[in-house]
Amino acid sequence: MTAAAKLLKWYDRHGRALPWRQTRDPYRILVSEIMLQQTQVDRVKEWYRRWVKQFPSWSRLAAATNAEVIHAWAGLGYNRRALVLRDIAREVTARGVPRTESGWLALKGIGPYTAAAVSAFAQRRRTLPIDTNIRRVLGRLLLGQPFPMMEDDKRIRHTAEIFLPKRGRYYDIPQALFDLATSTCTKNPTCASCPLRKDCKTSKLFMSGRIEIPKRSIATAHERKHRNKPFPDRIYRGRILKLVRERGQVGNREFGSLVDTTFNQKLDQAWINTMVEGLVKDGLLQKIRNKFSLSN
């Protein structure tokens, strides 16, 4: 039995039942992929169900205003993703659903991973989306790299040509790899229970205890922080947006202590102004008569 066949057999027994795995609708699969960017699966499930109920199709989302999608996205974080998704829906509604991976990649806001994911899961193309999880599993399995990096992606993709079946359920392989990565092939893997342990080039090393597990397997993100603030700017941007969403209209001088309990007008007002201006530039807020509201 090939390694891919073993993986699919394991997946049939242990794969997660996620709502976006019950459809081949490119729209719904794209929604899930955009939501899953920088957000945990358990959080996404709730928002995904609400979103597709409110915006069940490309055309319905394309017709939505900025304010509608920002309200629907509230609480999920990285709010700019909501407008990106709506803008993609407008382009798809106008030009049609892409039929190829390169067609998806041509849409503004869709990168190589997302283009490959939609092509594989919705259109059953034989392609491999590579994210942190798939990189970790295949880097270990195929290359013998205990902690592979992005620089290894080209080699992983090349070597995976042999691993990925040419017929059958090749489109399920990425989903199976996701689930194996989150349940078994974690940073500190449980190789003894892995269905691919006999095929994996690093399993014996891990099981021998000769591999030192790093405290961090990915580089720490360098997020912008203002002077002595405890959180990065994106947290305060989220608070500003939440305040406007709840109140309808907010004056620039009103944000201050409402989004930052340690606000100092002399030291922090320019910082607040810059974040508000950034939200306007991103299309999330608009300014009318010195008041800020959600963009239309």
Protein backbone atom coordinates (compact mmCIF):
# COMPACT_ATOMS: atom_id res chain seq x y z
CA MET A 1 0.00 0.00 0.00
CA THR A 2 1.38 3.41 -0.93
CA ALA A 3 1.91 6.13 1.65
CA ALA A 4 -0.91 8.15 0.06
CA ALA A 5 -3.29 5.18 0.31
CA LYS A 6 -2.40 4.71 3.99
CA LEU A 7 -3.04 8.40 4.59
CA LEU A 8 -6.47 8.30 2.92
CA LYS A 9 -7.43 5.18 4.88
CA TRP A 10 -6.50 7.00 8.10
CA TYR A 11 -8.37 10.11 6.94
CA ASP A 12 -11.57 8.15 6.32
CA ARG A 13 -11.54 7.08 9.97
CA HIS A 14 -10.10 10.14 11.70
CA GLY A 15 -10.73 13.14 9.43
CA ARG A 16 -12.55 16.13 10.89
CA ALA A 17 -16.16 16.78 9.87
CA LEU A 18 -15.92 20.44 8.86
CA PRO A 19 -18.84 22.25 7.17
CA TRP A 20 -16.81 23.42 4.16
CA ARG A 21 -15.82 19.82 3.45
CA GLN A 22 -19.44 18.98 2.68
CA THR A 23 -19.50 21.10 -0.47
CA ARG A 24 -17.69 21.58 -3.76
CA ASP A 25 -19.10 25.09 -4.25
CA PRO A 26 -16.07 27.28 -5.08
CA TYR A 27 -17.71 30.23 -3.34
CA ARG A 28 -18.15 28.45 -0.01
CA ILE A 29 -14.71 26.90 -0.16
CA LEU A 30 -13.14 30.30 -0.85
CA VAL A 31 -15.07 31.78 2.10
CA SER A 32 -13.61 29.10 4.38
CA GLU A 33 -10.09 29.59 3.05
CA ILE A 34 -10.16 33.37 3.55
CA MET A 35 -11.59 32.94 7.05
CA LEU A 36 -8.99 30.33 7.97
CA GLN A 37 -6.14 32.73 7.24
CA GLN A 38 -4.61 33.49 10.66
CA THR A 39 -7.69 32.15 12.47
CA GLN A 40 -8.21 28.81 14.25
CA VAL A 41 -10.60 26.25 12.78
CA ASP A 42 -12.94 26.12 15.80
CA ARG A 43 -13.54 29.88 15.63
CA VAL A 44 -14.09 29.84 11.89
CA LYS A 45 -16.85 27.20 11.99
CA GLU A 46 -19.31 29.51 13.74
CA TRP A 47 -18.62 32.51 11.48
CA TYR A 48 -18.65 30.38 8.34
CA ARG A 49 -22.18 29.10 9.02
CA ARG A 50 -23.48 32.59 9.74
CA TRP A 51 -21.73 34.09 6.74
CA VAL A 52 -23.03 31.63 4.14
CA LYS A 53 -26.51 32.01 5.58
CA GLN A 54 -26.40 35.79 5.15
CA PHE A 55 -24.39 35.73 1.91
CA PRO A 56 -25.17 32.38 0.25
CA SER A 57 -23.76 33.19 -3.18
CA TRP A 58 -21.28 35.25 -5.16
CA SER A 59 -24.03 37.61 -6.31
CA ARG A 60 -25.45 38.20 -2.84
CA LEU A 61 -22.03 39.00 -1.42
CA ALA A 62 -21.17 41.14 -4.44
CA ALA A 63 -24.22 43.30 -3.73
CA ALA A 64 -23.31 43.81 -0.06
CA THR A 65 -22.08 47.17 1.24
CA ASN A 66 -18.88 47.62 3.20
CA ALA A 67 -20.92 48.12 6.37
CA GLU A 68 -22.83 44.85 5.84
CA VAL A 69 -19.75 42.73 5.43
CA ILE A 70 -17.91 44.45 8.29
CA HIS A 71 -20.86 43.76 10.61
CA ALA A 72 -21.03 40.13 9.45
CA TRP A 73 -17.29 39.69 10.00
CA ALA A 74 -17.35 41.31 13.46
CA GLY A 75 -15.26 39.41 16.00
CA LEU A 76 -13.34 37.25 13.53
CA GLY A 77 -10.38 39.62 13.29
CA TYR A 78 -8.25 40.93 10.43
CA ASN A 79 -11.32 42.76 9.15
CA ARG A 80 -9.77 43.75 5.84
CA ARG A 81 -10.34 40.14 4.74
CA ALA A 82 -14.10 40.78 4.64
CA LEU A 83 -13.73 43.52 2.02
CA VAL A 84 -11.22 41.47 0.04
CA LEU A 85 -13.70 38.59 -0.09
CA ARG A 86 -16.54 40.90 -1.16
CA ASP A 87 -14.37 42.47 -3.88
CA ILE A 88 -13.47 39.01 -5.20
CA ALA A 89 -17.20 38.19 -5.33
CA ARG A 90 -17.81 41.31 -7.42
CA GLU A 91 -15.09 40.33 -9.88
CA VAL A 92 -16.34 36.74 -10.14
CA THR A 93 -19.92 37.94 -10.63
CA ALA A 94 -18.77 40.19 -13.46
CA ARG A 95 -16.33 37.81 -15.18
CA GLY A 96 -17.36 34.29 -14.15
CA VAL A 97 -15.90 31.62 -11.88
CA PRO A 98 -12.24 30.81 -12.70
CA ARG A 99 -11.67 27.31 -14.04
CA THR A 100 -7.94 27.04 -13.45
CA GLU A 101 -5.50 27.60 -10.63
CA SER A 102 -3.90 30.45 -12.58
CA GLY A 103 -7.36 31.96 -13.02
CA TRP A 104 -7.90 32.03 -9.26
CA LEU A 105 -4.43 33.44 -8.73
CA ALA A 106 -5.23 36.31 -11.08
CA LEU A 107 -7.91 37.59 -8.69
CA LYS A 108 -6.69 40.37 -6.40
CA GLY A 109 -6.47 39.08 -2.83
CA ILE A 110 -5.83 35.42 -3.72
CA GLY A 111 -2.32 34.04 -3.29
CA PRO A 112 -0.71 30.78 -4.44
CA TYR A 113 -1.92 28.73 -1.47
CA THR A 114 -5.57 29.84 -1.74
CA ALA A 115 -5.61 29.41 -5.52
CA ALA A 116 -4.34 25.84 -5.16
CA ALA A 117 -6.75 25.09 -2.31
CA VAL A 118 -9.87 26.19 -4.20
CA SER A 119 -8.69 24.36 -7.32
CA ALA A 120 -8.13 21.16 -5.35
CA PHE A 121 -11.18 21.18 -3.07
CA ALA A 122 -13.81 22.72 -5.34
CA GLN A 123 -12.64 21.71 -8.80
CA ARG A 124 -10.68 18.58 -7.92
CA ARG A 125 -7.52 19.63 -9.70
CA ARG A 126 -4.37 17.64 -8.98
CA THR A 127 -2.49 20.36 -7.15
CA LEU A 128 -0.94 20.78 -3.73
CA PRO A 129 -1.62 23.83 -1.54
CA ILE A 130 1.33 24.20 0.83
CA ASP A 131 0.85 25.92 4.17
CA THR A 132 2.65 25.53 7.49
CA ASN A 133 0.88 22.25 8.26
CA ILE A 134 1.43 20.55 4.92
CA ARG A 135 5.01 21.82 4.84
CA ARG A 136 5.68 20.21 8.21
CA VAL A 137 4.23 16.79 7.29
CA LEU A 138 5.71 16.50 3.81
CA GLY A 139 9.04 18.03 4.80
CA ARG A 140 9.42 15.30 7.38
CA LEU A 141 7.91 12.51 5.30
CA LEU A 142 9.59 13.19 1.96
CA LEU A 143 12.70 15.26 2.68
CA GLY A 144 13.76 14.08 6.12
CA GLN A 145 13.59 17.64 7.46
CA PRO A 146 12.34 17.66 11.07
CA PHE A 147 11.40 21.35 10.89
CA PRO A 148 11.12 22.40 7.23
CA MET A 149 11.04 26.05 6.21
CA MET A 150 9.39 27.96 3.36
CA GLU A 151 12.64 27.63 1.44
CA ASP A 152 11.92 23.88 1.22
CA ASP A 153 8.57 24.35 -0.57
CA LYS A 154 10.01 23.95 -4.06
CA ARG A 155 11.64 20.63 -3.12
CA ILE A 156 8.48 19.50 -1.33
CA ARG A 157 6.35 20.25 -4.37
CA HIS A 158 8.78 18.46 -6.68
CA THR A 159 9.06 15.36 -4.48
CA ALA A 160 5.29 15.30 -3.84
CA GLU A 161 4.74 14.61 -7.54
CA ILE A 162 5.57 10.99 -6.75
CA PHE A 163 3.61 10.95 -3.47
CA LEU A 164 0.40 12.51 -4.84
CA PRO A 165 -1.74 9.90 -6.69
CA LYS A 166 -2.34 10.53 -10.38
CA ARG A 167 -5.83 9.03 -10.16
CA GLY A 168 -8.49 8.55 -7.53
CA ARG A 169 -8.84 10.83 -4.52
CA TYR A 170 -5.73 12.98 -4.94
CA TYR A 171 -7.94 15.99 -4.11
CA ASP A 172 -8.47 14.62 -0.56
CA ILE A 173 -4.75 14.34 0.15
CA PRO A 174 -4.30 17.98 1.29
CA GLN A 175 -7.24 17.74 3.72
CA ALA A 176 -5.84 14.49 5.10
CA LEU A 177 -2.44 16.14 5.52
CA PHE A 178 -4.05 19.05 7.41
CA ASP A 179 -5.69 16.67 9.86
CA LEU A 180 -2.57 14.56 10.32
CA ALA A 181 -0.59 17.74 11.00
CA THR A 182 -2.96 19.00 13.68
CA SER A 183 -3.55 15.66 15.42
CA THR A 184 -0.33 13.66 15.05
CA CYS A 185 2.48 15.37 13.13
CA THR A 186 2.56 18.39 15.42
CA LYS A 187 5.69 20.32 16.39
CA ASN A 188 6.46 17.48 18.80
CA PRO A 189 4.94 14.56 16.85
CA THR A 190 3.43 11.35 18.18
CA CYS A 191 5.12 9.18 15.56
CA ALA A 192 4.11 5.89 17.21
CA SER A 193 0.46 6.51 16.25
CA CYS A 194 1.16 7.91 12.78
CA PRO A 195 -0.09 5.87 9.81
CA LEU A 196 2.96 6.99 7.80
CA ARG A 197 5.64 6.22 10.40
CA LYS A 198 7.16 3.40 8.31
CA ASP A 199 7.34 5.66 5.24
CA CYS A 200 8.56 8.79 7.02
CA LYS A 201 12.20 9.79 6.76
CA THR A 202 12.26 11.39 10.22
CA SER A 203 10.01 9.16 12.35
CA LYS A 204 12.89 7.02 13.68
CA LEU A 205 14.82 10.12 14.67
CA PHE A 206 11.84 11.56 16.55
CA MET A 207 11.06 8.25 18.23
CA SER A 208 14.69 7.86 19.31
CA GLY A 209 14.50 11.17 21.16
CA ARG A 210 17.54 12.50 19.28
CA ILE A 211 15.74 15.53 17.88
CA GLU A 212 15.59 18.65 20.03
CA ILE A 213 12.16 20.30 19.84
CA PRO A 214 12.56 24.09 19.43
CA LYS A 215 10.51 26.42 21.57
CA ARG A 216 9.25 28.06 18.39
CA SER A 217 9.12 26.37 14.99
CA ILE A 218 8.18 29.57 13.12
CA ALA A 219 9.60 33.04 13.39
CA THR A 220 7.89 35.49 15.70
CA ALA A 221 5.83 38.01 13.76
CA HIS A 222 7.18 41.54 14.09
CA GLU A 223 4.01 43.54 14.60
CA ARG A 224 3.97 47.30 14.98
CA LYS A 225 3.59 48.49 18.58
CA HIS A 226 3.34 52.05 19.88
CA ARG A 227 5.74 53.08 22.66
CA ASN A 228 4.79 51.19 25.87
CA LYS A 229 1.49 49.68 24.70
CA PRO A 230 0.95 46.03 25.71
CA PHE A 231 -0.64 45.01 22.39
CA PRO A 232 0.26 45.45 18.72
CA ASP A 233 -1.52 48.15 16.72
CA ARG A 234 -3.87 45.64 15.06
CA ILE A 235 -5.59 45.07 18.42
CA TYR A 236 -6.29 48.79 18.82
CA ARG A 237 -7.40 49.04 15.19
CA GLY A 238 -9.89 46.29 15.96
CA ARG A 239 -11.12 48.22 18.99
CA ILE A 240 -11.57 51.39 16.94
CA LEU A 241 -13.59 49.51 14.35
CA LYS A 242 -15.67 47.80 17.04
CA LEU A 243 -16.44 51.15 18.69
CA VAL A 244 -17.62 52.66 15.40
CA ARG A 245 -19.63 49.54 14.58
CA GLU A 246 -21.44 49.71 17.93
CA ARG A 247 -22.00 53.49 18.08
CA GLY A 248 -22.59 54.25 14.44
CA GLN A 249 -20.56 57.48 14.47
CA VAL A 250 -17.52 58.49 16.51
CA GLY A 251 -15.53 61.72 16.53
CA ASN A 252 -11.76 61.48 16.25
CA ARG A 253 -11.22 62.95 19.73
CA GLU A 254 -13.62 60.40 21.22
CA PHE A 255 -11.52 57.31 20.49
CA GLY A 256 -8.69 57.89 22.99
CA SER A 257 -9.48 56.26 26.32
CA LEU A 258 -12.35 54.26 24.77
CA VAL A 259 -9.88 52.06 22.90
CA ASP A 260 -6.87 52.43 25.23
CA THR A 261 -7.18 52.63 29.01
CA THR A 262 -3.69 54.15 29.27
CA PHE A 263 -4.36 56.81 26.63
CA ASN A 264 -2.30 59.99 26.96
CA GLN A 265 -3.51 62.71 24.63
CA LYS A 266 -0.11 64.33 24.24
CA LEU A 267 1.73 61.08 23.54
CA ASP A 268 -0.95 58.99 21.86
CA GLN A 269 -3.31 61.21 19.85
CA ALA A 270 -1.13 61.14 16.72
CA TRP A 271 -0.93 57.35 17.01
CA ILE A 272 -4.73 57.09 17.22
CA ASN A 273 -5.08 59.45 14.25
CA THR A 274 -2.74 57.31 12.14
CA MET A 275 -4.70 54.14 12.87
CA VAL A 276 -8.04 55.80 12.09
CA GLU A 277 -6.62 57.18 8.84
CA GLY A 278 -5.36 53.69 7.99
CA LEU A 279 -8.85 52.24 8.50
CA VAL A 280 -10.23 54.89 6.16
CA LYS A 281 -7.57 54.09 3.56
CA ASP A 282 -8.39 50.38 3.84
CA GLY A 283 -12.05 51.13 3.12
CA LEU A 284 -13.29 50.10 6.55
CA LEU A 285 -14.23 53.59 7.79
CA GLN A 286 -15.39 56.82 6.19
CA LYS A 287 -15.28 60.39 7.47
CA ILE A 288 -18.30 62.66 7.18
CA ARG A 289 -18.45 66.05 8.93
CA ASN A 290 -15.62 65.18 11.33
CA LYS A 291 -17.35 61.96 12.36
CA PHE A 292 -16.26 58.43 11.47
CA SER A 293 -18.67 55.68 10.51
CA LEU A 294 -18.45 52.35 8.72
CA SER A 295 -17.72 52.75 5.04
CA ASN A 296 -20.68 52.31 2.70
